[in-house]
Protein backbone atom coordinates (compact mmCIF):
# COMPACT_ATOMS: atom_id res chain seq x y z
CA UNK A 1 3.03 10.07 -19.62
CA UNK A 2 5.97 8.53 -21.20
CA UNK A 3 6.08 5.94 -24.18
CA UNK A 4 7.87 3.57 -21.74
CA UNK A 5 5.03 3.80 -19.15
CA UNK A 6 2.43 3.10 -21.94
CA UNK A 7 4.45 0.21 -23.31
CA UNK A 8 4.76 -1.32 -19.88
CA UNK A 9 0.85 -0.82 -19.38
CA UNK A 10 0.32 -2.70 -22.57
CA UNK A 11 2.55 -5.61 -21.64
CA UNK A 12 1.03 -5.71 -18.25
CA UNK A 13 -2.42 -5.82 -19.83
CA UNK A 14 -1.47 -8.72 -22.15
CA UNK A 15 -0.13 -10.61 -19.22
CA UNK A 16 -3.14 -10.13 -17.19
CA UNK A 17 -5.60 -11.00 -19.91
CA UNK A 18 -3.67 -14.25 -20.61
CA UNK A 19 -4.47 -15.26 -16.99
CA UNK A 20 -7.97 -13.73 -16.65
CA UNK A 21 -6.65 -11.48 -13.92
CA UNK A 22 -7.47 -7.96 -12.72
CA UNK A 23 -5.10 -5.42 -11.09
CA UNK A 24 -5.82 -2.66 -8.59
CA UNK A 25 -3.61 0.17 -7.37
CA UNK A 26 -3.27 1.93 -4.09
CA UNK A 27 -1.34 5.16 -4.51
CA UNK A 28 -0.16 7.96 -2.32
CA UNK A 29 2.88 9.80 -3.68
CA UNK A 30 1.99 8.92 -7.39
CA UNK A 31 -1.50 10.47 -7.00
CA UNK A 32 -3.23 8.15 -9.39
CA UNK A 33 -0.45 8.14 -11.96
CA UNK A 34 -0.30 4.35 -12.09
CA UNK A 35 -4.11 4.02 -12.59
CA UNK A 36 -3.88 6.83 -15.26
CA UNK A 37 -1.21 5.03 -17.16
CA UNK A 38 -2.99 1.65 -17.05
CA UNK A 39 -6.23 3.09 -18.10
CA UNK A 40 -4.67 4.91 -20.98
CA UNK A 41 -4.47 1.61 -22.75
CA UNK A 42 -7.62 0.78 -24.83
CA UNK A 43 -9.35 -2.17 -23.38
CA UNK A 44 -8.02 -1.89 -19.93
CA UNK A 45 -11.62 -2.16 -18.52
CA UNK A 46 -11.03 -5.89 -19.03
CA UNK A 47 -8.11 -6.08 -16.55
CA UNK A 48 -8.16 -2.99 -14.41
CA UNK A 49 -10.38 -3.33 -11.23
CA UNK A 50 -9.97 0.00 -9.56
CA UNK A 51 -7.48 2.62 -8.11
CA UNK A 52 -7.27 4.07 -4.60
CA UNK A 53 -5.57 7.44 -4.09
CA UNK A 54 -5.01 7.40 -0.40
CA UNK A 55 -2.86 10.45 0.23
CA UNK A 56 -3.74 10.86 3.95
CA UNK A 57 -3.10 8.28 6.63
CA UNK A 58 -6.75 8.33 7.54
CA UNK A 59 -7.75 7.45 3.95
CA UNK A 60 -5.22 4.60 4.05
CA UNK A 61 -6.84 3.31 7.22
CA UNK A 62 -10.55 3.73 6.17
CA UNK A 63 -10.30 2.66 2.50
CA UNK A 64 -7.52 -0.02 2.59
CA UNK A 65 -7.61 -1.19 6.20
CA UNK A 66 -4.05 -0.12 6.87
CA UNK A 67 -3.57 -0.36 10.73
CA UNK A 68 -3.54 3.01 12.44
CA UNK A 69 -0.71 1.74 14.55
CA UNK A 70 1.60 2.10 11.59
CA UNK A 71 1.17 5.90 11.90
CA UNK A 72 0.96 6.62 15.55
CA UNK A 73 3.52 6.48 18.40
CA UNK A 74 7.26 7.27 18.50
CA UNK A 75 8.24 3.78 17.09
CA UNK A 76 5.66 3.65 14.27
CA UNK A 77 7.28 3.23 10.83
CA UNK A 78 5.12 5.87 9.33
CA UNK A 79 3.43 6.24 5.97
CA UNK A 80 6.66 6.01 3.97
CA UNK A 81 7.57 2.47 5.00
CA UNK A 82 7.66 -1.15 3.98
CA UNK A 83 5.02 -2.02 6.50
CA UNK A 84 2.58 0.58 5.11
CA UNK A 85 2.98 -0.18 1.41
CA UNK A 86 2.60 -3.85 2.07
CA UNK A 87 -0.60 -3.25 4.05
CA UNK A 88 -1.86 -0.84 1.28
CA UNK A 89 -1.16 -3.58 -1.48
CA UNK A 90 -2.91 -6.26 0.51
CA UNK A 91 -5.76 -3.97 1.29
CA UNK A 92 -6.20 -3.05 -2.33
CA UNK A 93 -6.64 -6.79 -3.26
CA UNK A 94 -8.94 -7.46 -0.34
CA UNK A 95 -11.14 -4.47 -0.82
CA UNK A 96 -11.23 -4.72 -4.72
CA UNK A 97 -11.20 -8.42 -5.37
CA UNK A 98 -8.43 -7.94 -7.84
CA UNK A 99 -5.79 -10.68 -8.26
CA UNK A 100 -2.74 -8.44 -8.13
CA UNK A 101 -2.11 -4.82 -6.82
CA UNK A 102 0.57 -2.27 -6.45
CA UNK A 103 0.97 0.39 -3.86
CA UNK A 104 3.24 3.48 -3.52
CA UNK A 105 4.06 5.93 -0.75
CA UNK A 106 6.99 8.26 -0.81
CA UNK A 107 8.36 11.69 -0.69
CA UNK A 108 8.15 13.30 -4.17
CA UNK A 109 9.39 16.78 -2.84
CA UNK A 110 10.38 19.35 -3.08
CA UNK A 111 9.43 19.42 0.63
CA UNK A 112 8.81 16.79 3.24
CA UNK A 113 12.19 15.03 3.24
CA UNK A 114 14.18 14.25 6.45
CA UNK A 115 17.60 12.80 7.12
CA UNK A 116 16.08 9.28 7.38
CA UNK A 117 13.63 9.72 4.43
CA UNK A 118 15.06 12.23 1.96
CA UNK A 119 13.17 13.58 -0.94
CA UNK A 120 13.04 10.88 -3.64
CA UNK A 121 12.49 8.06 -1.17
CA UNK A 122 9.59 5.81 -2.44
CA UNK A 123 8.43 2.59 -1.15
CA UNK A 124 6.54 0.29 -3.56
CA UNK A 125 4.78 -2.91 -2.85
CA UNK A 126 3.23 -5.62 -4.96
CA UNK A 127 0.83 -8.31 -3.95
CA UNK A 128 -0.75 -11.22 -5.70
CA UNK A 129 -3.23 -13.90 -4.70
CA UNK A 130 -1.72 -17.23 -4.08
CA UNK A 131 -3.65 -19.70 -6.30
CA UNK A 132 -2.97 -22.56 -4.02
CA UNK A 133 -4.05 -20.91 -0.60
CA UNK A 134 -6.16 -18.09 0.69
CA UNK A 135 -2.91 -16.11 1.47
CA UNK A 136 -1.35 -13.22 -0.54
CA UNK A 137 2.19 -13.22 -1.78
CA UNK A 138 3.75 -9.68 -1.33
CA UNK A 139 7.03 -7.92 -1.54
CA UNK A 140 8.21 -4.37 -1.20
CA UNK A 141 11.18 -2.36 -2.27
CA UNK A 142 12.56 1.04 -1.28
CA UNK A 143 13.74 3.24 -4.08
CA UNK A 144 15.68 6.48 -4.08
CA UNK A 145 14.78 8.46 -7.13
CA UNK A 146 16.50 11.60 -8.38
CA UNK A 147 15.04 14.81 -9.81
CA UNK A 148 12.21 17.14 -9.11
CA UNK A 149 8.65 16.09 -8.10
CA UNK A 150 7.59 15.25 -11.49
CA UNK A 151 10.66 13.11 -12.23
CA UNK A 152 10.23 11.19 -8.83
CA UNK A 153 6.66 10.54 -9.72
CA UNK A 154 7.31 9.51 -13.30
CA UNK A 155 10.16 7.10 -12.10
CA UNK A 156 7.92 5.66 -9.43
CA UNK A 157 5.20 4.84 -12.04
CA UNK A 158 7.74 3.05 -14.14
CA UNK A 159 9.12 0.98 -11.29
CA UNK A 160 5.64 0.17 -10.11
CA UNK A 161 4.59 -1.13 -13.56
CA UNK A 162 7.89 -3.08 -13.99
CA UNK A 163 7.44 -4.74 -10.65
CA UNK A 164 3.78 -5.62 -11.56
CA UNK A 165 4.86 -7.22 -14.83
CA UNK A 166 7.54 -9.10 -13.18
CA UNK A 167 5.21 -10.50 -10.48
CA UNK A 168 2.53 -11.37 -12.99
CA UNK A 169 5.07 -13.02 -15.26
CA UNK A 170 6.51 -15.12 -12.35
CA UNK A 171 3.08 -16.69 -11.49
């Protein structure tokens, strides 16, 4: 993992500790890389709840309560979509009890791309509990990263951590 990833994880930990919050992760294409980077920081047990690596659609459904309808049918958005990562992030909060979560789903390559979703396409979502109501605030963004599989995954981890830090800092 890069020094940038570790620095972001440290900053995230400090921001979460100030608020008494915990974070959870729901990862597909990053395969646990976000959770690994977070837990590389000493003391992260005080602010990291848990991580879900849900590579298959069935795991997304069973572990994170992602609706199966997102994966089935001709008009379904599929695993690499805004709808899916938003459902994953919300599911991570609901299942873990964490205050904030991040989720990823994408095509790291070298195979699996399509004209609509080329290699390097990664959707990332962030969700946070709304302190004034029982709802969750969430947002998602599509990224198009360059490079080989390792580069796409590394850039995804950085973007995920940057977005988490921004979301926590804006609360």
